[in-house]
């Protein structure tokens, strides 16, 4: 059996390694000329933890990850206004949590897939041609790759989805935000951040910072925007929106790189009524994006990929596997999408009242008996038992 996986991100690499271990001939196509260097620090927990364990990559993931001591919301002078020890979050998910940079997670998954799949960088799909018993992937150079299964794991702006399911606007739910991520060097900022995750305690916009082991600082920004269209100059837009914030924000904005080295995009969810048509399927953000507000996008991508590979290995036909995978996995994804939408006003408050409520909730989380309630409310449900879902 042959699979063409479009996208060498988290979902695509995870699926490639899993399918390869089940004996599939897998080709992974990635538009970018090389592995991406941009991306967020992510808190990895939930069903993806079990999937990483089953895949055998959990030790490498933990080695690549970071231990964060505290979540701190800080004012314009860097003073802690509210926060919570990260151990509280870890306790809420039974200690199965690690913080990891997106490029590092992709590296772990890429190393797992090497030898099990062909990875082709600098190539992408421009069209998908379904056929009885399979599909053809038309590449940008005119080549057509025939396969028993074509999987679009090419993100929220998926070319596979556009070709096989229709235009992006049909499935995109914009959440009113734009976001960005980059890394920069600032030894003084690194000392101030320490082993914390620091967020500005601001309204309608926020910047967050992690210290990295290579001596750099990872920054991300999120703000409310008038519309989903992206600015012509993302760096100028970030400086305009966030420039009046204090503490280390001005230095981070001064170090913000040009567009080709900056991650900048809409904050969206993708809701597709069916995740497959014939032998063409959508995986990860291309069909099930929960957005950064959901907090488990990477975990769901890995778990969804592992589960899809397991269903394909056990089912009599590809169509049966795709239908069974969607039947058991869709409720998990939709619940997490709902949690993300409900949590948006607290993630980025627009009023002082909501900001005060968030501060109060974090203080309550320090009280015995309430800590589990509050932290579970923040992290949401971890998700289903993926081993049971593989059998269901």
Protein backbone atom coordinates (compact mmCIF):
# COMPACT_ATOMS: atom_id res chain seq x y z
CA UNK A 1 0.00 0.00 0.00
CA UNK A 2 1.26 3.46 -0.87
CA UNK A 3 0.44 6.76 0.82
CA UNK A 4 1.29 10.29 -0.25
CA UNK A 5 1.36 12.61 2.77
CA UNK A 6 1.28 16.31 1.97
CA UNK A 7 3.03 18.33 4.66
CA UNK A 8 6.10 17.60 6.79
CA UNK A 9 4.72 19.21 9.91
CA UNK A 10 3.72 17.50 13.13
CA UNK A 11 0.72 15.55 11.79
CA UNK A 12 2.34 14.54 8.50
CA UNK A 13 5.60 13.35 10.05
CA UNK A 14 3.77 11.42 12.78
CA UNK A 15 1.58 9.67 10.22
CA UNK A 16 4.53 8.90 7.96
CA UNK A 17 6.44 7.17 10.74
CA UNK A 18 3.40 5.23 11.92
CA UNK A 19 2.38 4.08 8.45
CA UNK A 20 5.97 3.17 7.62
CA UNK A 21 6.12 0.92 10.68
CA UNK A 22 2.99 -0.83 9.42
CA UNK A 23 4.70 -1.58 6.11
CA UNK A 24 3.28 1.19 3.95
CA UNK A 25 5.33 2.84 1.22
CA UNK A 26 5.10 6.50 2.25
CA UNK A 27 6.14 9.68 0.42
CA UNK A 28 6.02 12.98 2.36
CA UNK A 29 5.91 16.21 0.34
CA UNK A 30 6.81 19.55 1.92
CA UNK A 31 6.55 22.92 0.20
CA UNK A 32 9.35 24.49 2.26
CA UNK A 33 12.91 23.86 1.04
CA UNK A 34 14.04 22.70 4.47
CA UNK A 35 12.67 21.99 7.96
CA UNK A 36 11.07 25.06 9.52
CA UNK A 37 12.88 27.02 12.20
CA UNK A 38 9.91 29.17 13.29
CA UNK A 39 7.26 28.17 15.78
CA UNK A 40 5.87 28.35 19.27
CA UNK A 41 6.76 26.79 22.54
CA UNK A 42 3.90 24.34 23.13
CA UNK A 43 2.62 22.51 26.18
CA UNK A 44 2.36 18.89 25.10
CA UNK A 45 -0.06 16.66 27.02
CA UNK A 46 -3.25 14.69 26.52
CA UNK A 47 -3.80 11.89 23.98
CA UNK A 48 -0.63 12.77 22.10
CA UNK A 49 1.37 11.69 25.15
CA UNK A 50 -0.01 8.15 24.87
CA UNK A 51 0.59 8.20 21.10
CA UNK A 52 4.21 9.33 21.53
CA UNK A 53 4.68 6.54 24.05
CA UNK A 54 3.20 3.97 21.67
CA UNK A 55 5.41 5.25 18.83
CA UNK A 56 8.54 5.01 20.96
CA UNK A 57 9.39 8.70 20.64
CA UNK A 58 8.46 9.83 24.14
CA UNK A 59 12.04 9.65 25.54
CA UNK A 60 13.32 11.82 22.67
CA UNK A 61 10.43 14.23 23.15
CA UNK A 62 11.17 14.59 26.86
CA UNK A 63 14.86 15.15 26.10
CA UNK A 64 13.93 17.94 23.67
CA UNK A 65 11.46 19.52 26.08
CA UNK A 66 11.68 22.07 28.86
CA UNK A 67 10.60 22.09 32.48
CA UNK A 68 8.77 25.34 33.24
CA UNK A 69 8.51 26.41 36.88
CA UNK A 70 5.74 28.98 36.71
CA UNK A 71 3.18 30.73 34.57
CA UNK A 72 3.53 34.45 35.36
CA UNK A 73 1.36 37.31 34.15
CA UNK A 74 3.50 40.44 34.46
CA UNK A 75 2.89 44.19 34.28
CA UNK A 76 4.82 46.81 32.30
CA UNK A 77 7.65 46.70 34.83
CA UNK A 78 7.91 42.91 34.84
CA UNK A 79 6.23 42.50 38.22
CA UNK A 80 4.18 39.35 38.77
CA UNK A 81 0.46 40.25 38.87
CA UNK A 82 -0.93 36.72 38.79
CA UNK A 83 0.37 33.25 38.17
CA UNK A 84 0.53 29.61 39.07
CA UNK A 85 3.27 27.03 39.55
CA UNK A 86 3.44 24.86 36.46
CA UNK A 87 3.39 21.82 38.71
CA UNK A 88 -0.32 22.54 39.20
CA UNK A 89 -0.94 22.04 35.50
CA UNK A 90 1.21 18.91 35.46
CA UNK A 91 -0.71 17.53 38.44
CA UNK A 92 -4.01 18.09 36.60
CA UNK A 93 -2.80 15.74 33.83
CA UNK A 94 -1.08 13.24 36.12
CA UNK A 95 2.39 14.64 35.43
CA UNK A 96 2.19 13.80 31.72
CA UNK A 97 3.15 17.26 30.42
CA UNK A 98 6.22 18.73 28.79
CA UNK A 99 6.87 22.10 27.11
CA UNK A 100 8.57 21.81 23.72
CA UNK A 101 9.40 24.11 20.83
CA UNK A 102 7.54 23.22 17.65
CA UNK A 103 10.75 22.84 15.57
CA UNK A 104 12.11 20.43 18.19
CA UNK A 105 8.95 18.32 18.14
CA UNK A 106 9.09 18.20 14.35
CA UNK A 107 12.74 17.13 14.54
CA UNK A 108 11.87 14.24 16.88
CA UNK A 109 9.09 13.09 14.55
CA UNK A 110 11.25 13.56 11.46
CA UNK A 111 14.01 11.41 12.94
CA UNK A 112 11.41 8.77 13.75
CA UNK A 113 10.12 8.83 10.15
CA UNK A 114 13.58 8.65 8.53
CA UNK A 115 14.09 5.20 7.04
CA UNK A 116 10.36 4.57 7.20
CA UNK A 117 9.28 7.17 4.62
CA UNK A 118 10.66 9.29 1.80
CA UNK A 119 10.81 13.00 2.67
CA UNK A 120 10.85 15.40 -0.26
CA UNK A 121 11.36 19.07 0.57
CA UNK A 122 10.70 21.84 -1.94
CA UNK A 123 7.76 19.97 -3.52
CA UNK A 124 4.05 20.49 -3.01
CA UNK A 125 0.68 19.34 -4.29
CA UNK A 126 -1.31 21.63 -6.59
CA UNK A 127 -4.23 19.25 -7.19
CA UNK A 128 -5.63 15.91 -6.14
CA UNK A 129 -7.29 13.54 -8.62
CA UNK A 130 -9.49 10.90 -6.96
CA UNK A 131 -9.81 7.62 -8.82
CA UNK A 132 -11.40 4.24 -8.04
CA UNK A 133 -9.30 2.57 -5.35
CA UNK A 134 -6.91 5.48 -4.88
CA UNK A 135 -5.93 9.03 -5.81
CA UNK A 136 -3.29 10.91 -7.73
CA UNK A 137 -1.35 13.83 -6.30
CA UNK A 138 -0.32 16.39 -8.93
CA UNK A 139 2.90 18.15 -7.91
CA UNK A 140 4.09 21.65 -8.71
CA UNK A 141 6.54 20.27 -11.31
CA UNK A 142 3.76 18.39 -13.14
CA UNK A 143 4.62 14.98 -11.71
CA UNK A 144 1.68 12.79 -10.70
CA UNK A 145 2.11 10.41 -7.78
CA UNK A 146 -0.47 7.62 -7.68
CA UNK A 147 -1.31 6.21 -4.27
CA UNK A 148 -3.80 4.11 -2.38
CA UNK A 149 -4.27 7.08 -0.01
CA UNK A 150 -3.51 10.80 -0.22
CA UNK A 151 -3.45 12.66 3.10
CA UNK A 152 -3.55 16.42 3.39
CA UNK A 153 -1.51 17.32 6.47
CA UNK A 154 -0.56 20.68 5.03
CA UNK A 155 -2.00 23.03 7.64
CA UNK A 156 -4.89 25.44 7.87
CA UNK A 157 -4.22 26.75 4.36
CA UNK A 158 -4.22 23.21 2.94
CA UNK A 159 -3.84 22.82 -0.82
CA UNK A 160 -5.19 19.28 -0.60
CA UNK A 161 -8.36 20.50 1.12
CA UNK A 162 -8.79 23.27 -1.43
CA UNK A 163 -8.48 20.81 -4.33
CA UNK A 164 -10.58 17.94 -2.96
CA UNK A 165 -13.06 19.73 -0.65
CA UNK A 166 -13.35 23.34 -1.84
CA UNK A 167 -12.14 26.82 -0.88
CA UNK A 168 -10.73 27.58 2.55
CA UNK A 169 -13.38 30.17 3.39
CA UNK A 170 -15.99 27.41 3.43
CA UNK A 171 -14.36 25.68 6.41
CA UNK A 172 -12.49 28.41 8.27
CA UNK A 173 -13.79 29.80 11.56
CA UNK A 174 -11.75 32.91 12.31
CA UNK A 175 -11.44 33.62 16.03
CA UNK A 176 -10.73 37.33 15.72
CA UNK A 177 -7.00 37.13 16.40
CA UNK A 178 -3.64 37.29 14.69
CA UNK A 179 -0.55 35.66 16.13
CA UNK A 180 3.21 35.61 15.58
CA UNK A 181 6.28 33.81 16.91
CA UNK A 182 10.05 34.33 16.69
CA UNK A 183 13.24 33.92 18.71
CA UNK A 184 15.80 36.55 19.62
CA UNK A 185 18.94 37.05 21.68
CA UNK A 186 18.78 39.11 24.88
CA UNK A 187 20.86 37.87 27.85
CA UNK A 188 19.23 40.35 30.23
CA UNK A 189 15.73 39.22 29.24
CA UNK A 190 16.82 35.61 29.60
CA UNK A 191 17.90 36.26 33.19
CA UNK A 192 14.62 38.02 34.01
CA UNK A 193 12.49 35.24 32.56
CA UNK A 194 14.44 32.43 34.14
CA UNK A 195 12.52 29.15 33.97
CA UNK A 196 9.11 30.83 33.85
CA UNK A 197 6.60 31.27 31.06
CA UNK A 198 5.90 35.00 31.18
CA UNK A 199 2.85 36.68 29.66
CA UNK A 200 1.99 40.35 29.63
CA UNK A 201 -1.10 40.99 31.75
CA UNK A 202 -2.61 43.20 29.05
CA UNK A 203 -5.95 43.71 27.28
CA UNK A 204 -6.73 42.77 23.67
CA UNK A 205 -3.08 41.94 23.00
CA UNK A 206 -0.39 39.97 24.76
CA UNK A 207 3.17 38.84 24.36
CA UNK A 208 4.67 35.75 25.93
CA UNK A 209 8.27 34.68 26.56
CA UNK A 210 10.21 31.51 27.31
CA UNK A 211 13.93 31.17 27.88
CA UNK A 212 15.65 28.58 25.67
CA UNK A 213 18.61 26.39 26.54
CA UNK A 214 20.67 27.79 23.66
CA UNK A 215 20.62 31.23 25.34
CA UNK A 216 17.90 32.76 23.17
CA UNK A 217 14.37 33.84 24.06
CA UNK A 218 11.24 32.51 22.36
CA UNK A 219 8.56 35.16 21.90
CA UNK A 220 5.01 34.95 20.72
CA UNK A 221 2.41 37.65 20.21
CA UNK A 222 -1.35 37.53 19.89
CA UNK A 223 -3.79 40.38 19.36
CA UNK A 224 -7.30 41.16 18.22
CA UNK A 225 -7.52 42.17 14.58
CA UNK A 226 -10.11 43.90 12.44
CA UNK A 227 -10.24 41.04 9.93
CA UNK A 228 -8.52 37.81 8.91
CA UNK A 229 -6.47 39.39 6.10
CA UNK A 230 -2.77 39.44 6.95
CA UNK A 231 -0.79 42.71 6.90
CA UNK A 232 1.63 43.44 4.08
CA UNK A 233 4.36 44.07 6.65
CA UNK A 234 3.81 41.77 9.67
CA UNK A 235 6.77 43.18 11.59
CA UNK A 236 5.45 46.74 11.28
CA UNK A 237 1.99 45.56 12.33
CA UNK A 238 3.39 43.89 15.46
CA UNK A 239 5.33 47.01 16.42
CA UNK A 240 2.23 49.16 15.91
CA UNK A 241 -0.08 46.95 17.99
CA UNK A 242 2.28 45.90 20.78
CA UNK A 243 4.72 48.81 20.82
CA UNK A 244 3.23 50.56 23.83
CA UNK A 245 3.64 47.54 26.12
CA UNK A 246 6.47 47.67 28.61
CA UNK A 247 9.04 45.40 30.26
CA UNK A 248 11.07 43.51 27.61
CA UNK A 249 8.46 43.90 24.88
CA UNK A 250 10.16 46.87 23.14
CA UNK A 251 13.42 44.94 22.92
CA UNK A 252 11.64 41.86 21.59
CA UNK A 253 9.91 43.93 18.92
CA UNK A 254 13.18 45.60 17.96
CA UNK A 255 14.64 42.12 17.43
CA UNK A 256 11.62 40.88 15.45
CA UNK A 257 12.92 39.46 12.14
CA UNK A 258 11.74 40.12 8.60
CA UNK A 259 8.73 38.25 7.22
CA UNK A 260 10.75 35.36 5.77
CA UNK A 261 11.97 34.41 9.26
CA UNK A 262 8.81 35.31 11.17
CA UNK A 263 5.78 33.13 11.79
CA UNK A 264 2.64 35.25 11.42
CA UNK A 265 -0.89 34.00 10.75
CA UNK A 266 -4.57 34.15 11.61
CA UNK A 267 -5.91 32.28 14.64
CA UNK A 268 -8.51 29.98 13.13
CA UNK A 269 -10.29 26.71 13.54
CA UNK A 270 -11.01 24.41 10.61
CA UNK A 271 -14.36 22.61 10.58
CA UNK A 272 -14.92 20.17 7.71
CA UNK A 273 -18.19 18.16 7.65
CA UNK A 274 -16.33 15.07 6.43
CA UNK A 275 -12.63 14.44 6.83
CA UNK A 276 -12.33 12.20 3.79
CA UNK A 277 -13.67 11.83 0.30
CA UNK A 278 -12.85 8.57 -1.41
CA UNK A 279 -9.17 7.88 -0.73
CA UNK A 280 -8.31 11.51 0.13
CA UNK A 281 -8.20 12.44 3.83
CA UNK A 282 -7.43 15.49 5.96
CA UNK A 283 -5.30 15.24 9.10
CA UNK A 284 -4.19 17.75 11.73
CA UNK A 285 -4.76 21.44 11.13
CA UNK A 286 -5.90 20.91 7.53
CA UNK A 287 -9.14 19.38 8.77
CA UNK A 288 -9.21 19.56 12.57
CA UNK A 289 -7.42 22.76 13.65
CA UNK A 290 -8.31 23.69 17.23
CA UNK A 291 -6.17 26.89 17.26
CA UNK A 292 -3.54 27.95 19.79
CA UNK A 293 -6.39 28.72 22.22
CA UNK A 294 -7.10 25.01 22.50
CA UNK A 295 -3.72 24.10 23.93
CA UNK A 296 -3.58 20.58 22.49
CA UNK A 297 -3.10 21.13 18.76
CA UNK A 298 0.22 19.28 18.60
CA UNK A 299 -1.00 16.52 20.89
CA UNK A 300 -4.16 16.00 18.82
CA UNK A 301 -2.11 15.99 15.60
CA UNK A 302 0.16 13.21 16.84
CA UNK A 303 -2.66 11.22 18.42
CA UNK A 304 -4.87 11.60 15.35
CA UNK A 305 -2.03 10.41 13.11
CA UNK A 306 -1.26 7.38 15.30
CA UNK A 307 -4.94 6.48 15.50
CA UNK A 308 -5.42 6.80 11.74
CA UNK A 309 -2.44 4.51 11.10
CA UNK A 310 -3.80 1.97 13.57
CA UNK A 311 -7.23 1.98 11.96
CA UNK A 312 -5.64 1.56 8.52
CA UNK A 313 -3.59 -1.39 9.78
CA UNK A 314 -6.64 -3.14 11.24
CA UNK A 315 -9.46 -2.41 8.79
CA UNK A 316 -10.35 -4.50 5.75
CA UNK A 317 -10.35 -1.46 3.43
CA UNK A 318 -9.01 2.06 3.42
CA UNK A 319 -12.55 3.45 3.25
CA UNK A 320 -13.56 1.44 6.31
CA UNK A 321 -10.50 2.70 8.20
CA UNK A 322 -11.20 6.33 7.34
CA UNK A 323 -14.83 6.06 8.38
CA UNK A 324 -13.96 4.35 11.68
CA UNK A 325 -11.21 6.86 12.45
CA UNK A 326 -13.53 9.82 11.96
CA UNK A 327 -16.32 8.21 13.95
CA UNK A 328 -14.21 7.83 17.09
CA UNK A 329 -11.89 10.83 16.72
CA UNK A 330 -14.27 13.60 15.67
CA UNK A 331 -15.98 13.89 19.12
CA UNK A 332 -12.58 14.40 20.77
CA UNK A 333 -11.59 17.13 18.31
CA UNK A 334 -14.94 18.91 18.40
CA UNK A 335 -14.93 19.01 22.20
CA UNK A 336 -11.49 20.61 22.20
CA UNK A 337 -12.56 23.15 19.58
CA UNK A 338 -15.50 24.11 21.77
CA UNK A 339 -13.27 24.50 24.83
CA UNK A 340 -10.96 26.77 22.83
CA UNK A 341 -13.82 29.02 21.72
CA UNK A 342 -15.25 29.22 25.23
CA UNK A 343 -11.84 30.09 26.67
CA UNK A 344 -10.99 32.85 24.20
CA UNK A 345 -12.33 35.74 26.35
CA UNK A 346 -10.14 34.61 29.27
CA UNK A 347 -7.07 33.81 27.19
CA UNK A 348 -7.05 37.36 25.85
CA UNK A 349 -9.40 39.51 27.97
CA UNK A 350 -10.90 42.62 26.42
CA UNK A 351 -12.09 44.22 29.67
CA UNK A 352 -10.56 44.94 33.07
CA UNK A 353 -13.32 42.88 34.67
CA UNK A 354 -12.35 39.77 32.75
CA UNK A 355 -8.69 40.37 33.51
CA UNK A 356 -9.48 40.65 37.24
CA UNK A 357 -11.54 37.47 37.01
CA UNK A 358 -8.58 35.65 35.48
CA UNK A 359 -6.30 36.89 38.25
CA UNK A 360 -8.81 35.71 40.85
CA UNK A 361 -9.11 32.28 39.23
CA UNK A 362 -5.35 31.83 39.34
CA UNK A 363 -5.27 32.82 43.01
CA UNK A 364 -8.03 30.34 43.78
CA UNK A 365 -6.01 27.65 42.06
CA UNK A 366 -3.49 27.92 44.89
CA UNK A 367 -6.10 26.87 47.45
CA UNK A 368 -6.43 23.20 48.45
CA UNK A 369 -9.53 21.63 46.96
CA UNK A 370 -9.88 24.26 44.24
CA UNK A 371 -6.56 23.79 42.48
CA UNK A 372 -7.68 20.73 40.54
CA UNK A 373 -10.96 22.37 39.49
CA UNK A 374 -9.29 25.54 38.20
CA UNK A 375 -6.33 23.90 36.48
CA UNK A 376 -8.50 21.31 34.79
CA UNK A 377 -10.72 24.16 33.62
CA UNK A 378 -7.66 25.80 32.06
CA UNK A 379 -6.14 22.71 30.41
CA UNK A 380 -9.50 21.14 29.52
CA UNK A 381 -10.12 17.45 29.16
CA UNK A 382 -7.07 15.47 28.17
CA UNK A 383 -8.97 13.49 25.53
CA UNK A 384 -9.99 9.89 24.96
CA UNK A 385 -8.06 6.68 25.51
CA UNK A 386 -6.48 6.30 22.11
CA UNK A 387 -5.87 2.55 22.56
CA UNK A 388 -9.56 2.03 23.19
CA UNK A 389 -10.39 4.26 20.23
CA UNK A 390 -8.15 2.13 18.02
CA UNK A 391 -10.23 -0.91 18.96
CA UNK A 392 -13.69 0.73 18.90
